[in-house]
């Protein structure tokens, strides 16, 4: 895996941020924000690949690897690994497509597949053909295209389906769309309340057109409803399974979970949503205490006076993203 990563790292383009050393989701989020805020972006195309990891075509993937690596020993090992199949219901199935998630070289190979299928194609065909500015930001199989003109965005959307079909990939139509977004998509006189542009989601954040404190256009990123619900489902499940733990131990674990949530979602404009999640976790905890069959009733006033019930507040962790 390290050998493949070292070989292909020099080839990967700047628009790619997933499964690469020194790059993380926050770098991708920052790049997308800068494209929209500082460049001439009026349209955003968000896309979702249906069952990406199970649809990677082995023949194409082998050709992509062989395009850069000539060592027959390494090529045979990769071919053998791809032909090994996957375990399903106790039986080994010989797969001709897909890479097993969790495999040591799966992240590099899945990133390589989209490098050839999407990144290079966008850089060598879409951008040169565009009448205006065009940008791509990709993290693993999650990607967004940004365009100055609608005609360029429409052409990209049409050709993307054809391009993916050639490589055995398919877009999830219900999660793929083109929308007007950016400072040039703002309503007259910046009256955001009168007609606010649509929103889109990327890497767990809902992206909204808004204003900074100085009155200038800004891209507001907020934890998406799906992300918040997923996290709260995890805390609810944990409380259900660990109701018998001591309260101090519960406090320590819930605090650790919240800090992890804050660490990822701690961007500007997110504090209110972070603390709303904190309050919901406390509500779950209160409900669990009440359902333990104890005689005493835990009112909010009584709980807030207990040091063991206190949980950390959210704050901005990534001020420059």
Protein backbone atom coordinates (compact mmCIF):
# COMPACT_ATOMS: atom_id res chain seq x y z
CA UNK A 1 0.00 0.00 0.00
CA UNK A 2 2.81 2.44 0.86
CA UNK A 3 4.59 1.64 -2.39
CA UNK A 4 1.47 2.32 -4.46
CA UNK A 5 0.78 5.49 -2.48
CA UNK A 6 4.32 6.76 -3.08
CA UNK A 7 4.11 6.03 -6.82
CA UNK A 8 0.73 7.59 -7.49
CA UNK A 9 0.97 10.52 -5.08
CA UNK A 10 3.11 12.37 -7.62
CA UNK A 11 0.38 11.91 -10.25
CA UNK A 12 -2.72 12.87 -8.28
CA UNK A 13 -4.07 16.34 -9.07
CA UNK A 14 -4.59 19.24 -6.66
CA UNK A 15 -8.38 18.81 -6.84
CA UNK A 16 -8.10 15.44 -5.06
CA UNK A 17 -8.02 15.49 -1.24
CA UNK A 18 -8.98 11.99 -0.09
CA UNK A 19 -6.59 9.18 0.90
CA UNK A 20 -3.52 11.38 0.47
CA UNK A 21 -0.79 12.26 2.99
CA UNK A 22 -1.09 15.75 4.44
CA UNK A 23 -4.65 16.22 3.17
CA UNK A 24 -7.97 15.86 4.96
CA UNK A 25 -11.66 16.80 4.55
CA UNK A 26 -11.08 20.29 5.95
CA UNK A 27 -8.59 21.03 3.18
CA UNK A 28 -11.24 20.06 0.63
CA UNK A 29 -13.87 22.20 2.37
CA UNK A 30 -11.52 25.19 2.41
CA UNK A 31 -10.68 24.79 -1.28
CA UNK A 32 -14.36 24.62 -2.19
CA UNK A 33 -15.16 27.72 -0.14
CA UNK A 34 -12.33 29.68 -1.77
CA UNK A 35 -13.46 28.65 -5.26
CA UNK A 36 -17.00 29.86 -4.60
CA UNK A 37 -16.06 33.05 -2.73
CA UNK A 38 -13.06 34.27 -4.71
CA UNK A 39 -13.70 32.87 -8.21
CA UNK A 40 -16.47 33.45 -10.73
CA UNK A 41 -18.74 30.62 -9.64
CA UNK A 42 -22.48 30.79 -10.29
CA UNK A 43 -23.42 27.09 -10.50
CA UNK A 44 -22.57 24.07 -8.40
CA UNK A 45 -23.05 20.45 -9.42
CA UNK A 46 -23.23 17.96 -6.57
CA UNK A 47 -23.08 14.27 -7.40
CA UNK A 48 -23.23 10.92 -5.68
CA UNK A 49 -21.91 7.65 -7.15
CA UNK A 50 -24.20 4.68 -6.60
CA UNK A 51 -22.39 1.85 -4.74
CA UNK A 52 -19.01 3.12 -5.90
CA UNK A 53 -16.71 0.61 -4.17
CA UNK A 54 -18.65 -2.39 -5.49
CA UNK A 55 -18.69 -1.20 -9.11
CA UNK A 56 -15.01 -0.54 -9.83
CA UNK A 57 -14.21 -2.51 -13.00
CA UNK A 58 -11.17 -4.74 -12.52
CA UNK A 59 -10.11 -4.61 -16.17
CA UNK A 60 -10.03 -0.82 -16.21
CA UNK A 61 -8.37 -0.67 -12.79
CA UNK A 62 -5.60 -3.04 -13.88
CA UNK A 63 -4.94 -0.91 -16.98
CA UNK A 64 -4.76 2.21 -14.81
CA UNK A 65 -2.21 0.62 -12.49
CA UNK A 66 -0.19 -0.75 -15.42
CA UNK A 67 -0.12 2.71 -16.99
CA UNK A 68 2.21 3.82 -14.18
CA UNK A 69 3.76 0.61 -12.84
CA UNK A 70 5.71 -1.72 -15.12
CA UNK A 71 7.01 -4.15 -12.50
CA UNK A 72 5.42 -7.53 -13.39
CA UNK A 73 5.71 -8.80 -9.82
CA UNK A 74 3.64 -5.93 -8.41
CA UNK A 75 1.13 -6.20 -11.24
CA UNK A 76 0.68 -9.93 -10.62
CA UNK A 77 0.17 -9.33 -6.90
CA UNK A 78 -2.49 -6.70 -7.57
CA UNK A 79 -4.20 -8.92 -10.16
CA UNK A 80 -4.17 -11.82 -7.69
CA UNK A 81 -5.58 -9.62 -4.94
CA UNK A 82 -8.39 -8.42 -7.22
CA UNK A 83 -9.24 -11.97 -8.32
CA UNK A 84 -9.30 -13.29 -4.76
CA UNK A 85 -12.99 -12.46 -4.48
CA UNK A 86 -14.95 -11.49 -1.41
CA UNK A 87 -16.53 -13.46 1.41
CA UNK A 88 -20.34 -13.32 1.37
CA UNK A 89 -22.56 -15.47 3.61
CA UNK A 90 -19.63 -17.75 4.35
CA UNK A 91 -18.81 -18.37 0.68
CA UNK A 92 -16.05 -16.88 -1.47
CA UNK A 93 -17.48 -15.11 -4.52
CA UNK A 94 -15.25 -14.50 -7.53
CA UNK A 95 -15.83 -10.83 -8.24
CA UNK A 96 -15.03 -9.11 -11.52
CA UNK A 97 -15.74 -5.68 -10.14
CA UNK A 98 -15.43 -3.82 -6.86
CA UNK A 99 -12.69 -3.56 -4.25
CA UNK A 100 -13.15 -4.90 -0.70
CA UNK A 101 -13.57 -2.02 1.72
CA UNK A 102 -11.06 -2.32 4.53
CA UNK A 103 -8.41 -3.93 2.34
CA UNK A 104 -4.88 -2.53 2.72
CA UNK A 105 -4.64 -1.21 -0.85
CA UNK A 106 -8.35 -0.51 -1.42
CA UNK A 107 -8.17 3.24 -0.59
CA UNK A 108 -5.30 3.88 -3.01
CA UNK A 109 -6.87 1.85 -5.82
CA UNK A 110 -10.31 3.41 -5.41
CA UNK A 111 -8.71 6.87 -5.45
CA UNK A 112 -6.69 5.93 -8.54
CA UNK A 113 -9.84 4.82 -10.36
CA UNK A 114 -11.47 8.23 -9.96
CA UNK A 115 -8.17 9.95 -10.74
CA UNK A 116 -8.33 8.55 -14.26
CA UNK A 117 -12.11 8.45 -14.60
CA UNK A 118 -12.90 11.92 -13.24
CA UNK A 119 -9.95 14.14 -12.29
CA UNK A 120 -7.87 13.85 -15.46
CA UNK A 121 -10.97 13.95 -17.66
CA UNK A 122 -12.15 17.15 -15.96
CA UNK A 123 -8.70 18.77 -16.26
CA UNK A 124 -8.01 17.75 -19.87
CA UNK A 125 -11.48 17.95 -21.42
CA UNK A 126 -14.06 19.81 -19.33
CA UNK A 127 -11.92 22.82 -18.34
CA UNK A 128 -10.44 23.44 -21.82
CA UNK A 129 -13.91 23.22 -23.40
CA UNK A 130 -15.55 25.53 -20.86
CA UNK A 131 -16.39 29.08 -21.92
CA UNK A 132 -15.91 30.31 -18.35
CA UNK A 133 -14.20 29.18 -15.17
CA UNK A 134 -14.61 25.59 -13.97
CA UNK A 135 -13.34 23.85 -10.82
CA UNK A 136 -13.52 20.39 -9.27
CA UNK A 137 -13.09 19.43 -5.62
CA UNK A 138 -13.05 15.72 -4.75
CA UNK A 139 -12.59 13.82 -1.50
CA UNK A 140 -12.58 10.06 -2.16
CA UNK A 141 -15.88 9.38 -3.98
CA UNK A 142 -17.52 12.64 -2.86
CA UNK A 143 -17.07 15.49 -5.36
CA UNK A 144 -18.47 18.87 -6.42
CA UNK A 145 -18.10 20.76 -9.70
CA UNK A 146 -18.18 24.59 -9.82
CA UNK A 147 -18.93 26.61 -12.96
CA UNK A 148 -19.26 30.19 -14.09
CA UNK A 149 -21.79 29.57 -16.87
CA UNK A 150 -24.87 27.38 -17.01
CA UNK A 151 -24.01 25.99 -20.45
CA UNK A 152 -20.69 24.64 -19.13
CA UNK A 153 -22.41 23.08 -16.13
CA UNK A 154 -25.07 21.47 -18.35
CA UNK A 155 -22.42 20.04 -20.67
CA UNK A 156 -20.47 18.64 -17.72
CA UNK A 157 -23.59 17.07 -16.23
CA UNK A 158 -24.48 15.41 -19.53
CA UNK A 159 -20.98 14.18 -20.32
CA UNK A 160 -20.36 13.00 -16.74
CA UNK A 161 -23.09 10.37 -17.06
CA UNK A 162 -21.59 9.14 -20.35
CA UNK A 163 -18.09 9.12 -18.91
CA UNK A 164 -19.09 7.17 -15.82
CA UNK A 165 -21.12 4.65 -17.84
CA UNK A 166 -17.99 3.84 -19.83
CA UNK A 167 -16.21 2.89 -16.60
CA UNK A 168 -19.12 0.92 -15.10
CA UNK A 169 -20.11 3.73 -12.72
CA UNK A 170 -23.56 5.19 -12.21
CA UNK A 171 -24.78 8.41 -10.62
CA UNK A 172 -27.50 8.27 -7.99
CA UNK A 173 -30.04 10.52 -9.72
CA UNK A 174 -31.87 11.38 -6.51
CA UNK A 175 -28.63 12.75 -5.01
CA UNK A 176 -27.22 14.39 -8.15
CA UNK A 177 -28.28 17.88 -9.20
CA UNK A 178 -27.23 21.24 -10.59
CA UNK A 179 -28.08 24.42 -8.70
CA UNK A 180 -27.42 28.15 -8.86
CA UNK A 181 -25.02 28.98 -6.03
CA UNK A 182 -22.47 31.68 -5.27
CA UNK A 183 -22.13 35.44 -5.01
CA UNK A 184 -23.27 35.85 -8.62
CA UNK A 185 -26.39 33.79 -7.88
CA UNK A 186 -27.40 36.25 -5.14
CA UNK A 187 -30.74 38.06 -5.47
CA UNK A 188 -30.78 41.81 -6.31
CA UNK A 189 -29.30 44.06 -3.62
CA UNK A 190 -28.29 40.95 -1.71
CA UNK A 191 -31.78 40.52 -0.23
CA UNK A 192 -31.19 36.97 0.99
CA UNK A 193 -34.49 36.73 2.84
CA UNK A 194 -36.47 37.50 -0.31
CA UNK A 195 -34.99 34.71 -2.41
CA UNK A 196 -32.22 32.59 -0.93
CA UNK A 197 -30.34 30.31 -3.37
CA UNK A 198 -30.58 26.56 -2.92
CA UNK A 199 -28.23 24.69 -0.62
CA UNK A 200 -26.08 21.60 -1.12
CA UNK A 201 -24.21 19.14 1.07
CA UNK A 202 -20.55 18.13 0.93
CA UNK A 203 -18.54 16.08 3.44
CA UNK A 204 -21.26 16.27 6.09
CA UNK A 205 -21.79 20.04 5.85
CA UNK A 206 -24.76 21.93 4.47
CA UNK A 207 -23.49 24.83 2.32
CA UNK A 208 -25.57 28.00 2.36
CA UNK A 209 -25.20 31.38 0.62
CA UNK A 210 -24.99 34.12 3.23
CA UNK A 211 -23.19 37.20 4.48
CA UNK A 212 -20.14 37.74 6.63
CA UNK A 213 -20.14 40.32 9.42
CA UNK A 214 -18.61 42.87 7.07
CA UNK A 215 -21.56 42.47 4.71
CA UNK A 216 -19.66 40.60 2.01
CA UNK A 217 -20.80 37.34 0.46
CA UNK A 218 -19.85 34.23 2.43
CA UNK A 219 -20.40 30.50 2.20
CA UNK A 220 -21.93 29.35 5.47
CA UNK A 221 -21.18 25.72 6.37
CA UNK A 222 -23.40 24.02 8.94
CA UNK A 223 -23.53 20.42 10.19
CA UNK A 224 -26.09 18.74 7.94
CA UNK A 225 -29.27 17.28 9.39
CA UNK A 226 -28.11 13.82 8.32
CA UNK A 227 -24.79 14.26 10.16
CA UNK A 228 -26.48 15.45 13.34
CA UNK A 229 -29.03 12.64 13.28
CA UNK A 230 -26.31 10.05 12.72
CA UNK A 231 -24.29 11.32 15.68
CA UNK A 232 -27.33 11.50 17.97
CA UNK A 233 -28.32 7.97 16.97
CA UNK A 234 -24.86 6.84 18.09
CA UNK A 235 -25.10 8.58 21.48
CA UNK A 236 -28.63 7.22 21.98
CA UNK A 237 -27.44 3.70 21.21
CA UNK A 238 -24.48 4.08 23.56
CA UNK A 239 -26.66 5.31 26.43
CA UNK A 240 -29.05 2.41 25.87
CA UNK A 241 -26.24 -0.12 26.08
CA UNK A 242 -24.34 1.53 28.97
CA UNK A 243 -27.12 2.77 31.24
CA UNK A 244 -25.59 0.78 34.11
CA UNK A 245 -22.29 2.69 34.03
CA UNK A 246 -21.47 5.14 36.79
CA UNK A 247 -22.54 8.69 36.00
CA UNK A 248 -19.00 10.05 36.00
CA UNK A 249 -18.00 7.35 33.51
CA UNK A 250 -20.99 8.21 31.34
CA UNK A 251 -20.01 11.87 31.51
CA UNK A 252 -16.44 11.10 30.42
CA UNK A 253 -17.55 9.03 27.45
CA UNK A 254 -20.26 11.44 26.27
CA UNK A 255 -17.78 14.32 26.59
CA UNK A 256 -15.30 12.38 24.46
CA UNK A 257 -17.96 11.76 21.79
CA UNK A 258 -18.97 15.42 21.74
CA UNK A 259 -15.36 16.61 21.47
CA UNK A 260 -14.92 14.34 18.47
CA UNK A 261 -18.02 15.87 16.88
CA UNK A 262 -16.77 19.39 17.64
CA UNK A 263 -13.31 18.55 16.26
CA UNK A 264 -14.77 17.84 12.84
CA UNK A 265 -17.70 20.27 12.70
CA UNK A 266 -16.10 23.18 14.59
CA UNK A 267 -16.19 25.73 11.75
CA UNK A 268 -17.33 29.35 11.76
CA UNK A 269 -21.11 29.78 12.13
CA UNK A 270 -21.46 26.27 13.64
CA UNK A 271 -21.43 27.02 17.37
CA UNK A 272 -25.21 27.30 17.69
CA UNK A 273 -25.71 23.95 15.99
CA UNK A 274 -22.94 22.31 18.01
CA UNK A 275 -24.52 23.40 21.27
CA UNK A 276 -27.94 22.29 20.03
CA UNK A 277 -26.43 18.82 19.62
CA UNK A 278 -25.00 19.08 23.15
CA UNK A 279 -28.45 19.92 24.53
CA UNK A 280 -29.98 16.97 22.69
CA UNK A 281 -27.36 14.61 24.15
CA UNK A 282 -28.21 15.92 27.62
CA UNK A 283 -31.91 15.38 26.86
CA UNK A 284 -31.16 11.77 25.86
CA UNK A 285 -29.18 11.30 29.05
CA UNK A 286 -31.96 12.79 31.18
CA UNK A 287 -34.50 10.49 29.52
CA UNK A 288 -32.29 7.48 30.23
CA UNK A 289 -31.94 8.48 33.90
CA UNK A 290 -35.71 8.85 34.17
CA UNK A 291 -36.34 5.43 32.62
CA UNK A 292 -34.15 3.55 35.09
CA UNK A 293 -37.07 3.12 37.43
CA UNK A 294 -35.72 5.38 40.13
CA UNK A 295 -38.14 7.02 42.50
CA UNK A 296 -36.53 10.41 42.32
CA UNK A 297 -37.37 12.63 39.37
CA UNK A 298 -34.57 14.40 37.60
CA UNK A 299 -35.76 17.87 36.69
CA UNK A 300 -33.59 20.11 34.50
CA UNK A 301 -33.03 22.43 37.45
CA UNK A 302 -31.83 19.58 39.60
CA UNK A 303 -29.60 18.07 36.91
CA UNK A 304 -27.91 21.36 36.05
CA UNK A 305 -26.74 21.57 39.62
CA UNK A 306 -24.91 18.26 39.35
CA UNK A 307 -21.24 18.50 38.25
CA UNK A 308 -21.39 15.01 36.70
CA UNK A 309 -24.13 16.14 34.28
CA UNK A 310 -22.02 18.90 32.74
CA UNK A 311 -20.86 18.38 29.14
CA UNK A 312 -18.40 20.48 27.06
CA UNK A 313 -19.71 23.29 24.86
CA UNK A 314 -18.93 23.53 21.16
CA UNK A 315 -16.53 26.13 19.76
CA UNK A 316 -14.70 27.07 16.56
CA UNK A 317 -11.82 24.62 16.10
CA UNK A 318 -10.91 25.42 12.48
CA UNK A 319 -11.05 29.21 12.04
CA UNK A 320 -9.32 29.22 8.63
CA UNK A 321 -11.30 26.46 6.89
